């Protein structure tokens, strides 16, 4: 009987000790987490903050709308060039067949050959011209987006009064580490999109 009581007492002491350790270890972790959250920086006047430009541009409604328009133009131009290319290819095959069967005079062959060569060169020139036009439109589109971002951020900072606003991209990431409280990307995206929707609906 004494042995049973002794075993029960040992088990009870161990259980109390285990509960004590778990209770105070859990509290210390909670306190540590809370203190870590409390110490998180919130950007304020005079701070140096940063924007992830890749995220900003890709989530900016104006950029996405303009890019969709440009992609539609690219698709229409590609379809038109492909259509002209197929028609030229078919006419070249027809010319080859007629020539092989001896269905054309020398004069007709020269005329058709010159015509096909002129059409081929015209199609090449058109393709090159369209590529240059699209590249120019893409450049103007990006300039419009960046100008809208700069204008918004300038006005935004008149209220916030940050000392410096840095930008970071995947290609030129100059910020190795920074507190997320100093990352104003989401706030700027939300403001930009609200402003864009207001202006678009006017």
C-alpha atoms as a PDB file:
ATOM      1  CA  UNK A   1       0.000   0.000   0.000  1.00  0.00           C
ATOM      2  CA  UNK A   2       2.833   2.363   0.900  1.00  0.00           C
ATOM      3  CA  UNK A   3       4.508   1.589  -2.434  1.00  0.00           C
ATOM      4  CA  UNK A   4       1.292   2.463  -4.311  1.00  0.00           C
ATOM      5  CA  UNK A   5       0.977   5.761  -2.404  1.00  0.00           C
ATOM      6  CA  UNK A   6       4.622   6.576  -3.117  1.00  0.00           C
ATOM      7  CA  UNK A   7       4.178   5.936  -6.831  1.00  0.00           C
ATOM      8  CA  UNK A   8       1.026   8.077  -6.901  1.00  0.00           C
ATOM      9  CA  UNK A   9       2.845  10.914  -5.118  1.00  0.00           C
ATOM     10  CA  UNK A  10       5.733  10.756  -7.610  1.00  0.00           C
ATOM     11  CA  UNK A  11       3.319  10.796 -10.569  1.00  0.00           C
ATOM     12  CA  UNK A  12       1.456  13.750  -9.020  1.00  0.00           C
ATOM     13  CA  UNK A  13       4.671  15.718  -8.465  1.00  0.00           C
ATOM     14  CA  UNK A  14       5.806  15.018 -12.041  1.00  0.00           C
ATOM     15  CA  UNK A  15       2.411  16.078 -13.424  1.00  0.00           C
ATOM     16  CA  UNK A  16       2.476  19.345 -11.449  1.00  0.00           C
ATOM     17  CA  UNK A  17       6.048  20.000 -12.590  1.00  0.00           C
ATOM     18  CA  UNK A  18       5.102  19.339 -16.217  1.00  0.00           C
ATOM     19  CA  UNK A  19       2.107  21.672 -15.995  1.00  0.00           C
ATOM     20  CA  UNK A  20       4.287  24.362 -14.413  1.00  0.00           C
ATOM     21  CA  UNK A  21       6.903  24.118 -17.198  1.00  0.00           C
ATOM     22  CA  UNK A  22       4.279  24.129 -19.961  1.00  0.00           C
ATOM     23  CA  UNK A  23       2.410  27.056 -18.439  1.00  0.00           C
ATOM     24  CA  UNK A  24       5.411  29.352 -18.032  1.00  0.00           C
ATOM     25  CA  UNK A  25       7.086  28.294 -21.284  1.00  0.00           C
ATOM     26  CA  UNK A  26       3.860  29.048 -23.166  1.00  0.00           C
ATOM     27  CA  UNK A  27       3.569  32.442 -21.471  1.00  0.00           C
ATOM     28  CA  UNK A  28       7.122  33.372 -22.309  1.00  0.00           C
ATOM     29  CA  UNK A  29       6.549  32.490 -25.956  1.00  0.00           C
ATOM     30  CA  UNK A  30       3.351  34.535 -26.036  1.00  0.00           C
ATOM     31  CA  UNK A  31       5.081  37.457 -24.386  1.00  0.00           C
ATOM     32  CA  UNK A  32       7.989  37.168 -26.833  1.00  0.00           C
ATOM     33  CA  UNK A  33       5.623  37.119 -29.822  1.00  0.00           C
ATOM     34  CA  UNK A  34       3.663  40.051 -28.476  1.00  0.00           C
ATOM     35  CA  UNK A  35       6.808  42.061 -27.860  1.00  0.00           C
ATOM     36  CA  UNK A  36       8.011  41.253 -31.396  1.00  0.00           C
ATOM     37  CA  UNK A  37       4.692  42.489 -32.810  1.00  0.00           C
ATOM     38  CA  UNK A  38       4.793  45.579 -30.620  1.00  0.00           C
ATOM     39  CA  UNK A  39       8.299  46.401 -31.843  1.00  0.00           C
ATOM     40  CA  UNK A  40       7.261  46.231 -35.509  1.00  0.00           C
ATOM     41  CA  UNK A  41       7.899  49.591 -37.183  1.00  0.00           C
ATOM     42  CA  UNK A  42       5.067  51.695 -38.548  1.00  0.00           C
ATOM     43  CA  UNK A  43       6.256  54.201 -41.139  1.00  0.00           C
ATOM     44  CA  UNK A  44       5.836  57.807 -40.096  1.00  0.00           C
ATOM     45  CA  UNK A  45       6.869  61.307 -41.061  1.00  0.00           C
ATOM     46  CA  UNK A  46      10.607  61.611 -41.673  1.00  0.00           C
ATOM     47  CA  UNK A  47      11.133  57.863 -42.268  1.00  0.00           C
ATOM     48  CA  UNK A  48      12.824  56.258 -45.241  1.00  0.00           C
ATOM     49  CA  UNK A  49      10.335  53.889 -46.888  1.00  0.00           C
ATOM     50  CA  UNK A  50      10.330  51.685 -49.976  1.00  0.00           C
ATOM     51  CA  UNK A  51       8.078  50.458 -52.780  1.00  0.00           C
ATOM     52  CA  UNK A  52       8.369  47.192 -54.711  1.00  0.00           C
ATOM     53  CA  UNK A  53       8.009  48.587 -58.239  1.00  0.00           C
ATOM     54  CA  UNK A  54       7.388  45.186 -59.910  1.00  0.00           C
ATOM     55  CA  UNK A  55       4.431  44.492 -57.617  1.00  0.00           C
ATOM     56  CA  UNK A  56       3.173  48.062 -57.933  1.00  0.00           C
ATOM     57  CA  UNK A  57       3.133  48.075 -61.741  1.00  0.00           C
ATOM     58  CA  UNK A  58       1.689  44.566 -62.116  1.00  0.00           C
ATOM     59  CA  UNK A  59      -1.194  45.312 -59.724  1.00  0.00           C
ATOM     60  CA  UNK A  60      -1.892  48.788 -61.123  1.00  0.00           C
ATOM     61  CA  UNK A  61      -5.241  48.735 -62.979  1.00  0.00           C
ATOM     62  CA  UNK A  62      -4.127  51.399 -65.459  1.00  0.00           C
ATOM     63  CA  UNK A  63      -1.138  49.293 -66.525  1.00  0.00           C
ATOM     64  CA  UNK A  64      -3.255  46.154 -66.860  1.00  0.00           C
ATOM     65  CA  UNK A  65      -5.901  47.957 -68.942  1.00  0.00           C
ATOM     66  CA  UNK A  66      -3.311  49.499 -71.268  1.00  0.00           C
ATOM     67  CA  UNK A  67      -1.452  46.199 -71.587  1.00  0.00           C
ATOM     68  CA  UNK A  68      -4.694  44.402 -72.523  1.00  0.00           C
ATOM     69  CA  UNK A  69      -5.347  47.012 -75.242  1.00  0.00           C
ATOM     70  CA  UNK A  70      -1.811  46.608 -76.589  1.00  0.00           C
ATOM     71  CA  UNK A  71      -2.057  42.810 -76.567  1.00  0.00           C
ATOM     72  CA  UNK A  72      -5.289  43.064 -78.608  1.00  0.00           C
ATOM     73  CA  UNK A  73      -3.479  45.234 -81.172  1.00  0.00           C
ATOM     74  CA  UNK A  74      -0.569  42.791 -81.319  1.00  0.00           C
ATOM     75  CA  UNK A  75      -2.974  39.893 -81.877  1.00  0.00           C
ATOM     76  CA  UNK A  76      -4.843  41.755 -84.671  1.00  0.00           C
ATOM     77  CA  UNK A  77      -1.575  42.697 -86.423  1.00  0.00           C
ATOM     78  CA  UNK A  78      -0.216  39.152 -86.161  1.00  0.00           C
ATOM     79  CA  UNK A  79      -3.444  37.741 -87.631  1.00  0.00           C
ATOM     80  CA  UNK A  80      -3.330  40.226 -90.522  1.00  0.00           C
ATOM     81  CA  UNK A  81       0.334  39.496 -91.296  1.00  0.00           C
ATOM     82  CA  UNK A  82      -0.252  35.742 -91.102  1.00  0.00           C
ATOM     83  CA  UNK A  83      -3.235  36.043 -93.462  1.00  0.00           C
ATOM     84  CA  UNK A  84      -1.179  38.020 -96.005  1.00  0.00           C
ATOM     85  CA  UNK A  85       1.709  35.569 -95.588  1.00  0.00           C
ATOM     86  CA  UNK A  86      -0.494  32.523 -96.270  1.00  0.00           C
ATOM     87  CA  UNK A  87      -2.021  34.192 -99.343  1.00  0.00           C
ATOM     88  CA  UNK A  88       1.455  34.958-100.701  1.00  0.00           C
ATOM     89  CA  UNK A  89       2.644  31.422-100.003  1.00  0.00           C
ATOM     90  CA  UNK A  90      -0.355  29.945-101.842  1.00  0.00           C
ATOM     91  CA  UNK A  91       0.226  32.228-104.854  1.00  0.00           C
ATOM     92  CA  UNK A  92       3.909  31.205-104.939  1.00  0.00           C
ATOM     93  CA  UNK A  93       2.955  27.516-104.948  1.00  0.00           C
ATOM     94  CA  UNK A  94       0.438  28.131-107.719  1.00  0.00           C
ATOM     95  CA  UNK A  95       3.078  29.967-109.742  1.00  0.00           C
ATOM     96  CA  UNK A  96       5.558  27.102-109.298  1.00  0.00           C
ATOM     97  CA  UNK A  97       2.975  24.529-110.438  1.00  0.00           C
ATOM     98  CA  UNK A  98       2.009  26.534-113.536  1.00  0.00           C
ATOM     99  CA  UNK A  99       5.648  27.091-114.395  1.00  0.00           C
ATOM    100  CA  UNK A 100       6.485  23.386-114.044  1.00  0.00           C
ATOM    101  CA  UNK A 101       3.524  22.403-116.238  1.00  0.00           C
ATOM    102  CA  UNK A 102       4.537  24.908-118.910  1.00  0.00           C
ATOM    103  CA  UNK A 103       1.316  26.864-118.625  1.00  0.00           C
ATOM    104  CA  UNK A 104       2.992  30.297-118.677  1.00  0.00           C
ATOM    105  CA  UNK A 105       4.813  32.230-121.319  1.00  0.00           C
ATOM    106  CA  UNK A 106       8.210  33.729-120.486  1.00  0.00           C
ATOM    107  CA  UNK A 107       6.614  37.180-120.290  1.00  0.00           C
ATOM    108  CA  UNK A 108       3.890  35.938-117.936  1.00  0.00           C
ATOM    109  CA  UNK A 109       6.471  34.186-115.753  1.00  0.00           C
ATOM    110  CA  UNK A 110       8.567  37.342-115.431  1.00  0.00           C
ATOM    111  CA  UNK A 111       5.512  39.474-114.631  1.00  0.00           C
ATOM    112  CA  UNK A 112       4.190  37.041-112.003  1.00  0.00           C
ATOM    113  CA  UNK A 113       7.627  36.496-110.499  1.00  0.00           C
ATOM    114  CA  UNK A 114       8.226  40.256-110.172  1.00  0.00           C
ATOM    115  CA  UNK A 115       4.797  40.694-108.644  1.00  0.00           C
ATOM    116  CA  UNK A 116       5.402  37.922-106.077  1.00  0.00           C
ATOM    117  CA  UNK A 117       8.836  39.309-105.166  1.00  0.00           C
ATOM    118  CA  UNK A 118       7.344  42.809-104.718  1.00  0.00           C
ATOM    119  CA  UNK A 119       4.587  41.413-102.480  1.00  0.00           C
ATOM    120  CA  UNK A 120       7.145  39.468-100.436  1.00  0.00           C
ATOM    121  CA  UNK A 121       9.244  42.608 -99.882  1.00  0.00           C
ATOM    122  CA  UNK A 122       6.133  44.631 -99.084  1.00  0.00           C
ATOM    123  CA  UNK A 123       5.103  42.090 -96.454  1.00  0.00           C
ATOM    124  CA  UNK A 124       8.587  42.138 -94.887  1.00  0.00           C
ATOM    125  CA  UNK A 125       8.527  45.946 -94.770  1.00  0.00           C
ATOM    126  CA  UNK A 126       5.037  45.937 -93.244  1.00  0.00           C
ATOM    127  CA  UNK A 127       6.091  43.434 -90.578  1.00  0.00           C
ATOM    128  CA  UNK A 128       9.125  45.533 -89.652  1.00  0.00           C
ATOM    129  CA  UNK A 129       7.045  48.732 -89.583  1.00  0.00           C
ATOM    130  CA  UNK A 130       4.424  47.156 -87.295  1.00  0.00           C
ATOM    131  CA  UNK A 131       7.116  45.851 -84.949  1.00  0.00           C
ATOM    132  CA  UNK A 132       8.571  49.354 -84.634  1.00  0.00           C
ATOM    133  CA  UNK A 133       5.116  50.883 -84.070  1.00  0.00           C
ATOM    134  CA  UNK A 134       4.291  48.343 -81.355  1.00  0.00           C
ATOM    135  CA  UNK A 135       7.640  48.874 -79.630  1.00  0.00           C
ATOM    136  CA  UNK A 136       6.984  52.623 -79.634  1.00  0.00           C
ATOM    137  CA  UNK A 137       3.452  52.143 -78.264  1.00  0.00           C
ATOM    138  CA  UNK A 138       4.783  49.866 -75.525  1.00  0.00           C
ATOM    139  CA  UNK A 139       7.385  52.483 -74.553  1.00  0.00           C
ATOM    140  CA  UNK A 140       4.755  55.256 -74.456  1.00  0.00           C
ATOM    141  CA  UNK A 141       2.444  53.013 -72.425  1.00  0.00           C
ATOM    142  CA  UNK A 142       5.145  52.349 -69.831  1.00  0.00           C
ATOM    143  CA  UNK A 143       6.026  56.069 -69.694  1.00  0.00           C
ATOM    144  CA  UNK A 144       2.360  56.921 -69.079  1.00  0.00           C
ATOM    145  CA  UNK A 145       2.171  54.405 -66.242  1.00  0.00           C
ATOM    146  CA  UNK A 146       5.407  55.612 -64.629  1.00  0.00           C
ATOM    147  CA  UNK A 147       4.351  59.265 -64.954  1.00  0.00           C
ATOM    148  CA  UNK A 148       1.024  58.485 -63.239  1.00  0.00           C
ATOM    149  CA  UNK A 149       2.879  56.638 -60.450  1.00  0.00           C
ATOM    150  CA  UNK A 150       5.381  59.475 -59.920  1.00  0.00           C
ATOM    151  CA  UNK A 151       2.614  62.111 -59.861  1.00  0.00           C
ATOM    152  CA  UNK A 152       0.571  60.097 -57.360  1.00  0.00           C
ATOM    153  CA  UNK A 153       3.537  59.343 -55.081  1.00  0.00           C
ATOM    154  CA  UNK A 154       4.587  63.027 -55.077  1.00  0.00           C
ATOM    155  CA  UNK A 155       1.092  64.066 -53.957  1.00  0.00           C
ATOM    156  CA  UNK A 156       0.859  61.135 -51.521  1.00  0.00           C
ATOM    157  CA  UNK A 157       4.117  62.178 -49.846  1.00  0.00           C
ATOM    158  CA  UNK A 158       2.941  65.766 -49.353  1.00  0.00           C
ATOM    159  CA  UNK A 159       0.689  64.317 -46.660  1.00  0.00           C
ATOM    160  CA  UNK A 160       2.967  61.532 -45.384  1.00  0.00           C
ATOM    161  CA  UNK A 161       6.164  63.622 -45.312  1.00  0.00           C
ATOM    162  CA  UNK A 162       8.598  60.693 -45.699  1.00  0.00           C
ATOM    163  CA  UNK A 163      12.248  61.738 -45.938  1.00  0.00           C
ATOM    164  CA  UNK A 164      12.939  59.347 -48.797  1.00  0.00           C
ATOM    165  CA  UNK A 165      10.938  56.846 -50.884  1.00  0.00           C
ATOM    166  CA  UNK A 166      13.066  54.121 -52.444  1.00  0.00           C
ATOM    167  CA  UNK A 167      12.029  51.675 -55.154  1.00  0.00           C
ATOM    168  CA  UNK A 168      13.151  48.101 -55.507  1.00  0.00           C
ATOM    169  CA  UNK A 169      12.729  45.655 -58.416  1.00  0.00           C
ATOM    170  CA  UNK A 170      13.723  42.043 -59.042  1.00  0.00           C
ATOM    171  CA  UNK A 171      16.476  43.241 -61.394  1.00  0.00           C
ATOM    172  CA  UNK A 172      17.877  45.987 -59.144  1.00  0.00           C
ATOM    173  CA  UNK A 173      17.092  45.029 -55.577  1.00  0.00           C
ATOM    174  CA  UNK A 174      19.187  47.441 -53.508  1.00  0.00           C
ATOM    175  CA  UNK A 175      17.266  46.665 -50.294  1.00  0.00           C
ATOM    176  CA  UNK A 176      18.628  43.472 -48.771  1.00  0.00           C
ATOM    177  CA  UNK A 177      16.451  43.620 -45.671  1.00  0.00           C
ATOM    178  CA  UNK A 178      13.859  46.013 -44.317  1.00  0.00           C
ATOM    179  CA  UNK A 179      11.027  46.082 -41.820  1.00  0.00           C
ATOM    180  CA  UNK A 180       7.677  45.423 -43.519  1.00  0.00           C
ATOM    181  CA  UNK A 181       6.290  48.453 -41.742  1.00  0.00           C
ATOM    182  CA  UNK A 182       8.454  50.562 -44.064  1.00  0.00           C
ATOM    183  CA  UNK A 183       7.121  48.813 -47.203  1.00  0.00           C
ATOM    184  CA  UNK A 184       4.360  51.129 -48.479  1.00  0.00           C
ATOM    185  CA  UNK A 185       3.683  49.187 -51.719  1.00  0.00           C
ATOM    186  CA  UNK A 186       0.180  47.970 -50.815  1.00  0.00           C
ATOM    187  CA  UNK A 187      -0.939  51.390 -49.566  1.00  0.00           C
ATOM    188  CA  UNK A 188       0.292  53.082 -52.756  1.00  0.00           C
ATOM    189  CA  UNK A 189      -1.326  50.423 -55.006  1.00  0.00           C
ATOM    190  CA  UNK A 190      -4.687  50.894 -53.267  1.00  0.00           C
ATOM    191  CA  UNK A 191      -4.484  54.679 -53.597  1.00  0.00           C
ATOM    192  CA  UNK A 192      -3.401  54.525 -57.249  1.00  0.00           C
ATOM    193  CA  UNK A 193      -6.205  52.157 -58.215  1.00  0.00           C
ATOM    194  CA  UNK A 194      -8.836  54.234 -56.402  1.00  0.00           C
ATOM    195  CA  UNK A 195      -7.626  57.375 -58.191  1.00  0.00           C
ATOM    196  CA  UNK A 196      -7.531  55.579 -61.576  1.00  0.00           C
ATOM    197  CA  UNK A 197     -11.091  54.256 -61.175  1.00  0.00           C
ATOM    198  CA  UNK A 198     -12.360  57.727 -60.201  1.00  0.00           C
ATOM    199  CA  UNK A 199     -10.719  59.347 -63.248  1.00  0.00           C
ATOM    200  CA  UNK A 200     -11.783  56.548 -65.612  1.00  0.00           C
ATOM    201  CA  UNK A 201     -15.443  56.884 -64.586  1.00  0.00           C
ATOM    202  CA  UNK A 202     -15.552  60.661 -65.146  1.00  0.00           C
END
